[in-house]
N, C-alpha and C. Protein backbone atom coordinates (compact mmCIF):
# COMPACT_ATOMS: atom_id res chain seq x y z
N UNK A 1 -14.52 9.54 -7.66
CA UNK A 1 -13.13 9.97 -7.56
C UNK A 1 -12.38 9.60 -8.83
N UNK A 2 -11.45 10.44 -9.20
CA UNK A 2 -10.59 10.17 -10.33
C UNK A 2 -9.56 9.10 -9.95
N UNK A 3 -9.24 8.24 -10.87
CA UNK A 3 -8.17 7.27 -10.65
C UNK A 3 -6.84 8.02 -10.61
N UNK A 4 -5.86 7.41 -9.97
CA UNK A 4 -4.52 7.98 -9.86
C UNK A 4 -3.54 6.93 -10.35
N UNK A 5 -2.63 7.31 -11.24
CA UNK A 5 -1.66 6.35 -11.76
C UNK A 5 -0.29 7.01 -11.91
N UNK A 6 0.73 6.27 -11.50
CA UNK A 6 2.12 6.65 -11.73
C UNK A 6 2.81 5.41 -12.31
N UNK A 7 3.48 5.56 -13.44
CA UNK A 7 4.21 4.45 -14.05
C UNK A 7 5.49 4.17 -13.27
N UNK A 8 5.90 2.92 -13.30
CA UNK A 8 7.12 2.51 -12.61
C UNK A 8 8.36 3.01 -13.35
N UNK A 9 9.41 3.26 -12.56
CA UNK A 9 10.74 3.54 -13.10
C UNK A 9 11.69 2.55 -12.43
N UNK A 10 12.98 2.69 -12.69
CA UNK A 10 13.95 1.81 -12.02
C UNK A 10 13.96 2.03 -10.51
N UNK A 11 13.61 3.24 -10.06
CA UNK A 11 13.70 3.57 -8.64
C UNK A 11 12.35 3.72 -7.96
N UNK A 12 11.27 3.73 -8.72
CA UNK A 12 9.95 3.98 -8.13
C UNK A 12 8.93 2.95 -8.60
N UNK A 13 7.98 2.63 -7.75
CA UNK A 13 6.98 1.63 -8.12
C UNK A 13 5.86 2.22 -8.98
N UNK A 14 5.16 1.32 -9.65
CA UNK A 14 3.91 1.69 -10.29
C UNK A 14 2.89 1.86 -9.17
N UNK A 15 2.12 2.92 -9.25
CA UNK A 15 1.07 3.16 -8.27
C UNK A 15 -0.24 3.29 -9.03
N UNK A 16 -1.21 2.46 -8.69
CA UNK A 16 -2.57 2.56 -9.23
C UNK A 16 -3.52 2.70 -8.05
N UNK A 17 -4.27 3.77 -8.04
CA UNK A 17 -5.23 4.02 -6.97
C UNK A 17 -6.59 4.27 -7.60
N UNK A 18 -7.59 3.56 -7.12
CA UNK A 18 -8.96 3.78 -7.54
C UNK A 18 -9.88 3.28 -6.43
N UNK A 19 -11.15 3.60 -6.54
CA UNK A 19 -12.07 3.16 -5.50
C UNK A 19 -11.98 1.66 -5.32
N UNK A 20 -11.67 1.24 -4.11
CA UNK A 20 -11.62 -0.17 -3.78
C UNK A 20 -10.28 -0.84 -4.02
N UNK A 21 -9.33 -0.16 -4.67
CA UNK A 21 -8.06 -0.81 -4.99
C UNK A 21 -6.89 0.16 -4.83
N UNK A 22 -5.90 -0.31 -4.09
CA UNK A 22 -4.62 0.39 -3.94
C UNK A 22 -3.56 -0.61 -4.40
N UNK A 23 -2.79 -0.25 -5.43
CA UNK A 23 -1.79 -1.18 -5.95
C UNK A 23 -0.44 -0.49 -6.05
N UNK A 24 0.57 -1.15 -5.47
CA UNK A 24 1.95 -0.70 -5.52
C UNK A 24 2.79 -1.86 -6.02
N UNK A 25 3.58 -1.61 -7.08
CA UNK A 25 4.36 -2.70 -7.66
C UNK A 25 5.69 -2.18 -8.19
N UNK A 26 6.77 -2.75 -7.68
CA UNK A 26 8.10 -2.40 -8.18
C UNK A 26 9.05 -2.06 -7.06
N UNK A 27 10.24 -1.63 -7.42
CA UNK A 27 11.21 -1.21 -6.42
C UNK A 27 10.85 0.19 -5.93
N UNK A 28 11.25 0.49 -4.71
CA UNK A 28 10.82 1.75 -4.09
C UNK A 28 11.99 2.37 -3.34
N UNK A 29 12.82 3.11 -4.06
CA UNK A 29 13.92 3.83 -3.43
C UNK A 29 14.20 5.14 -4.16
N UNK A 30 13.20 6.02 -4.24
CA UNK A 30 13.42 7.31 -4.92
C UNK A 30 14.37 8.19 -4.11
N UNK A 31 14.94 9.14 -4.82
CA UNK A 31 15.86 10.07 -4.16
C UNK A 31 15.14 10.86 -3.06
N UNK A 32 13.93 11.31 -3.34
CA UNK A 32 13.13 12.04 -2.35
C UNK A 32 11.77 11.37 -2.23
N UNK A 33 11.66 10.46 -1.28
CA UNK A 33 10.45 9.65 -1.14
C UNK A 33 9.22 10.50 -0.83
N UNK A 34 9.38 11.57 -0.05
CA UNK A 34 8.25 12.42 0.32
C UNK A 34 7.66 13.09 -0.92
N UNK A 35 8.51 13.71 -1.72
CA UNK A 35 7.98 14.40 -2.90
C UNK A 35 7.41 13.41 -3.91
N UNK A 36 8.00 12.22 -4.00
CA UNK A 36 7.46 11.21 -4.92
C UNK A 36 6.09 10.73 -4.48
N UNK A 37 5.94 10.40 -3.19
CA UNK A 37 4.73 9.74 -2.72
C UNK A 37 3.64 10.72 -2.26
N UNK A 38 3.95 12.00 -2.09
CA UNK A 38 2.97 12.97 -1.59
C UNK A 38 1.68 13.01 -2.43
N UNK A 39 1.75 13.03 -3.77
CA UNK A 39 0.50 13.02 -4.53
C UNK A 39 -0.38 11.80 -4.25
N UNK A 40 0.25 10.64 -4.05
CA UNK A 40 -0.51 9.44 -3.71
C UNK A 40 -1.11 9.57 -2.31
N UNK A 41 -0.36 10.13 -1.37
CA UNK A 41 -0.89 10.33 -0.01
C UNK A 41 -2.07 11.30 -0.05
N UNK A 42 -1.97 12.35 -0.86
CA UNK A 42 -3.09 13.29 -1.00
C UNK A 42 -4.33 12.57 -1.53
N UNK A 43 -4.14 11.71 -2.54
CA UNK A 43 -5.25 10.95 -3.09
C UNK A 43 -5.87 10.05 -2.02
N UNK A 44 -5.01 9.37 -1.25
CA UNK A 44 -5.51 8.47 -0.20
C UNK A 44 -6.29 9.24 0.87
N UNK A 45 -5.82 10.41 1.25
CA UNK A 45 -6.54 11.21 2.24
C UNK A 45 -7.92 11.59 1.72
N UNK A 46 -8.00 11.95 0.44
CA UNK A 46 -9.30 12.26 -0.17
C UNK A 46 -10.17 11.00 -0.24
N UNK A 47 -9.55 9.89 -0.57
CA UNK A 47 -10.28 8.61 -0.65
C UNK A 47 -10.89 8.23 0.70
N UNK A 48 -10.13 8.40 1.78
CA UNK A 48 -10.63 8.05 3.11
C UNK A 48 -11.87 8.87 3.48
N UNK A 49 -12.04 10.05 2.86
CA UNK A 49 -13.21 10.89 3.12
C UNK A 49 -14.34 10.66 2.11
N UNK A 50 -14.10 9.84 1.09
CA UNK A 50 -15.07 9.66 0.01
C UNK A 50 -16.30 8.89 0.48
N UNK A 51 -17.41 9.09 -0.23
CA UNK A 51 -18.64 8.35 0.06
C UNK A 51 -18.41 6.85 -0.07
N UNK A 52 -17.65 6.46 -1.10
CA UNK A 52 -17.39 5.03 -1.31
C UNK A 52 -16.72 4.43 -0.06
N UNK A 53 -15.66 5.06 0.41
CA UNK A 53 -14.93 4.51 1.54
C UNK A 53 -15.73 4.60 2.84
N UNK A 54 -16.51 5.64 2.99
CA UNK A 54 -17.29 5.81 4.21
C UNK A 54 -18.35 4.72 4.39
N UNK A 55 -18.76 4.10 3.29
CA UNK A 55 -19.63 2.93 3.39
C UNK A 55 -18.75 1.74 3.75
N UNK A 56 -18.78 1.33 5.00
CA UNK A 56 -17.86 0.31 5.51
C UNK A 56 -18.01 -1.04 4.82
N UNK A 57 -19.13 -1.27 4.13
CA UNK A 57 -19.31 -2.53 3.42
C UNK A 57 -18.53 -2.60 2.12
N UNK A 58 -18.15 -1.46 1.58
CA UNK A 58 -17.39 -1.45 0.34
C UNK A 58 -15.95 -1.91 0.61
N UNK A 59 -15.47 -2.85 -0.18
CA UNK A 59 -14.11 -3.35 0.07
C UNK A 59 -13.03 -2.38 -0.41
N UNK A 60 -11.92 -2.39 0.30
CA UNK A 60 -10.70 -1.72 -0.14
C UNK A 60 -9.60 -2.76 -0.04
N UNK A 61 -8.96 -3.05 -1.18
CA UNK A 61 -7.91 -4.06 -1.23
C UNK A 61 -6.58 -3.40 -1.59
N UNK A 62 -5.59 -3.67 -0.76
CA UNK A 62 -4.22 -3.23 -1.03
C UNK A 62 -3.49 -4.40 -1.65
N UNK A 63 -3.00 -4.21 -2.88
CA UNK A 63 -2.18 -5.20 -3.58
C UNK A 63 -0.78 -4.63 -3.62
N UNK A 64 0.17 -5.39 -3.06
CA UNK A 64 1.51 -4.83 -2.92
C UNK A 64 2.57 -5.84 -3.33
N UNK A 65 3.44 -5.43 -4.23
CA UNK A 65 4.60 -6.21 -4.63
C UNK A 65 5.78 -5.24 -4.70
N UNK A 66 6.53 -5.19 -3.62
CA UNK A 66 7.67 -4.28 -3.52
C UNK A 66 8.89 -5.08 -3.09
N UNK A 67 9.60 -5.67 -4.05
CA UNK A 67 10.73 -6.51 -3.68
C UNK A 67 11.85 -5.77 -2.96
N UNK A 68 11.97 -4.46 -3.19
CA UNK A 68 12.99 -3.70 -2.47
C UNK A 68 12.44 -2.35 -2.05
N UNK A 69 12.67 -2.01 -0.78
CA UNK A 69 12.30 -0.71 -0.22
C UNK A 69 13.52 -0.17 0.52
N UNK A 70 13.77 1.13 0.39
CA UNK A 70 14.78 1.71 1.27
C UNK A 70 14.10 2.11 2.58
N UNK A 71 14.87 2.60 3.52
CA UNK A 71 14.33 2.91 4.84
C UNK A 71 13.23 3.96 4.79
N UNK A 72 13.44 5.03 4.03
CA UNK A 72 12.42 6.09 3.94
C UNK A 72 11.14 5.57 3.30
N UNK A 73 11.26 4.72 2.29
CA UNK A 73 10.08 4.15 1.63
C UNK A 73 9.34 3.20 2.58
N UNK A 74 10.10 2.46 3.37
CA UNK A 74 9.48 1.56 4.36
C UNK A 74 8.62 2.35 5.34
N UNK A 75 9.08 3.51 5.74
CA UNK A 75 8.32 4.37 6.66
C UNK A 75 7.01 4.80 6.03
N UNK A 76 7.03 5.16 4.75
CA UNK A 76 5.80 5.57 4.05
C UNK A 76 4.82 4.40 4.00
N UNK A 77 5.29 3.22 3.63
CA UNK A 77 4.42 2.04 3.55
C UNK A 77 3.87 1.71 4.94
N UNK A 78 4.71 1.82 5.96
CA UNK A 78 4.26 1.58 7.33
C UNK A 78 3.14 2.55 7.69
N UNK A 79 3.27 3.82 7.31
CA UNK A 79 2.23 4.82 7.59
C UNK A 79 0.91 4.47 6.88
N UNK A 80 1.00 3.99 5.64
CA UNK A 80 -0.21 3.57 4.91
C UNK A 80 -0.86 2.40 5.65
N UNK A 81 -0.06 1.44 6.10
CA UNK A 81 -0.60 0.29 6.82
C UNK A 81 -1.25 0.70 8.14
N UNK A 82 -0.64 1.64 8.83
CA UNK A 82 -1.23 2.12 10.09
C UNK A 82 -2.59 2.76 9.83
N UNK A 83 -2.69 3.56 8.77
CA UNK A 83 -3.98 4.18 8.43
C UNK A 83 -5.02 3.11 8.09
N UNK A 84 -4.64 2.13 7.27
CA UNK A 84 -5.58 1.07 6.91
C UNK A 84 -5.98 0.24 8.13
N UNK A 85 -5.01 -0.01 9.00
CA UNK A 85 -5.30 -0.75 10.24
C UNK A 85 -6.31 0.01 11.10
N UNK A 86 -6.14 1.33 11.18
CA UNK A 86 -7.06 2.16 11.96
C UNK A 86 -8.48 2.04 11.42
N UNK A 87 -8.63 2.12 10.11
CA UNK A 87 -9.96 1.98 9.51
C UNK A 87 -10.50 0.57 9.66
N UNK A 88 -9.63 -0.42 9.57
CA UNK A 88 -10.05 -1.82 9.74
C UNK A 88 -10.64 -2.04 11.13
N UNK A 89 -9.98 -1.48 12.15
CA UNK A 89 -10.49 -1.66 13.51
C UNK A 89 -11.80 -0.92 13.74
N UNK A 90 -12.13 0.02 12.85
CA UNK A 90 -13.41 0.73 12.93
C UNK A 90 -14.48 0.06 12.07
N UNK A 91 -14.16 -1.12 11.53
CA UNK A 91 -15.17 -1.89 10.80
C UNK A 91 -15.12 -1.81 9.29
N UNK A 92 -14.13 -1.13 8.73
CA UNK A 92 -14.02 -1.06 7.28
C UNK A 92 -13.54 -2.40 6.72
N UNK A 93 -14.00 -2.71 5.51
CA UNK A 93 -13.69 -3.97 4.83
C UNK A 93 -12.39 -3.81 4.07
N UNK A 94 -11.26 -4.09 4.73
CA UNK A 94 -9.94 -3.88 4.14
C UNK A 94 -9.18 -5.20 4.12
N UNK A 95 -8.59 -5.49 2.96
CA UNK A 95 -7.76 -6.70 2.82
C UNK A 95 -6.43 -6.29 2.19
N UNK A 96 -5.39 -7.01 2.59
CA UNK A 96 -4.06 -6.75 2.05
C UNK A 96 -3.56 -8.03 1.38
N UNK A 97 -3.13 -7.89 0.14
CA UNK A 97 -2.55 -8.99 -0.62
C UNK A 97 -1.10 -8.64 -0.92
N UNK A 98 -0.20 -9.44 -0.38
CA UNK A 98 1.23 -9.21 -0.55
C UNK A 98 1.78 -10.27 -1.51
N UNK A 99 2.30 -9.82 -2.64
CA UNK A 99 2.86 -10.72 -3.64
C UNK A 99 4.38 -10.71 -3.50
N UNK A 100 4.98 -11.89 -3.58
CA UNK A 100 6.43 -11.97 -3.41
C UNK A 100 7.00 -13.07 -4.29
N UNK A 101 8.28 -12.92 -4.61
CA UNK A 101 9.02 -13.95 -5.33
C UNK A 101 9.74 -14.81 -4.30
N UNK A 102 9.71 -16.09 -4.53
CA UNK A 102 10.32 -17.04 -3.60
C UNK A 102 11.82 -16.80 -3.43
N UNK A 103 12.48 -16.33 -4.49
CA UNK A 103 13.94 -16.23 -4.48
C UNK A 103 14.47 -14.87 -4.05
N UNK A 104 13.62 -13.96 -3.65
CA UNK A 104 14.11 -12.63 -3.25
C UNK A 104 13.72 -12.34 -1.81
N UNK A 105 14.61 -11.63 -1.12
CA UNK A 105 14.30 -11.15 0.22
C UNK A 105 13.36 -9.96 0.06
N UNK A 106 12.24 -10.00 0.69
CA UNK A 106 11.21 -8.99 0.50
C UNK A 106 11.08 -8.14 1.76
N UNK A 107 11.26 -6.84 1.61
CA UNK A 107 11.22 -5.92 2.75
C UNK A 107 9.84 -5.82 3.37
N UNK A 108 8.80 -6.10 2.61
CA UNK A 108 7.44 -5.97 3.15
C UNK A 108 7.19 -6.96 4.28
N UNK A 109 7.77 -8.15 4.20
CA UNK A 109 7.65 -9.11 5.29
C UNK A 109 8.12 -8.49 6.60
N UNK A 110 9.25 -7.76 6.53
CA UNK A 110 9.79 -7.13 7.73
C UNK A 110 8.84 -6.07 8.29
N UNK A 111 8.24 -5.29 7.41
CA UNK A 111 7.32 -4.24 7.87
C UNK A 111 6.13 -4.86 8.59
N UNK A 112 5.56 -5.89 8.00
CA UNK A 112 4.39 -6.54 8.61
C UNK A 112 4.77 -7.20 9.92
N UNK A 113 5.92 -7.86 9.94
CA UNK A 113 6.35 -8.56 11.15
C UNK A 113 6.74 -7.60 12.27
N UNK A 114 7.26 -6.41 11.92
CA UNK A 114 7.65 -5.44 12.93
C UNK A 114 6.46 -4.70 13.52
N UNK A 115 5.37 -4.61 12.78
CA UNK A 115 4.17 -3.94 13.26
C UNK A 115 3.27 -4.92 13.98
N UNK A 116 2.43 -4.41 14.83
CA UNK A 116 1.48 -5.25 15.56
C UNK A 116 0.11 -5.04 14.95
N UNK A 117 -0.09 -5.59 13.75
CA UNK A 117 -1.30 -5.34 12.99
C UNK A 117 -2.35 -6.42 13.24
N UNK A 118 -3.59 -5.99 13.41
CA UNK A 118 -4.70 -6.92 13.51
C UNK A 118 -5.20 -7.32 12.13
N UNK A 119 -5.02 -6.44 11.17
CA UNK A 119 -5.48 -6.70 9.82
C UNK A 119 -4.65 -7.86 9.24
N UNK A 120 -5.33 -8.79 8.59
CA UNK A 120 -4.61 -9.94 8.07
C UNK A 120 -3.98 -9.60 6.71
N UNK A 121 -2.85 -10.23 6.47
CA UNK A 121 -2.14 -10.05 5.21
C UNK A 121 -2.07 -11.42 4.54
N UNK A 122 -2.58 -11.50 3.32
CA UNK A 122 -2.48 -12.75 2.57
C UNK A 122 -1.22 -12.68 1.71
N UNK A 123 -0.27 -13.56 2.01
CA UNK A 123 0.99 -13.61 1.26
C UNK A 123 0.78 -14.55 0.06
N UNK A 124 1.02 -14.02 -1.14
CA UNK A 124 0.79 -14.77 -2.36
C UNK A 124 2.12 -14.92 -3.10
N UNK A 125 2.56 -16.17 -3.25
CA UNK A 125 3.81 -16.42 -3.96
C UNK A 125 3.58 -16.24 -5.46
N UNK A 126 4.43 -15.45 -6.08
CA UNK A 126 4.34 -15.24 -7.54
C UNK A 126 5.02 -16.41 -8.23
N UNK A 127 4.42 -16.83 -9.34
CA UNK A 127 5.02 -17.93 -10.11
C UNK A 127 5.42 -17.46 -11.47
């Protein structure tokens, strides 16, 4: 699979997608979240069907640092987590690493706490 990359702006996160790694970093409040994130969702749908992902022993790690999300962006991230949770319960090797700054309120904590996820999230304080 081809790697997928979007550079960060003031309103959108950096997105790096490749076999085994999903990385989102930055603020996430684009004017139209669907049109911004749709190419990444298309890549993820293709990834979920890939030979690499279908081998349940291959790891997939989500690295996420999103200090601010608006409501629409939170819904997109929640949908990604639900998909990963579904694959995790089917035996896929999925890990989530959440990076946060001690001094900022982080919306991702709320998403994880509001969902009833079996997949574990490792919270990593940034220094």
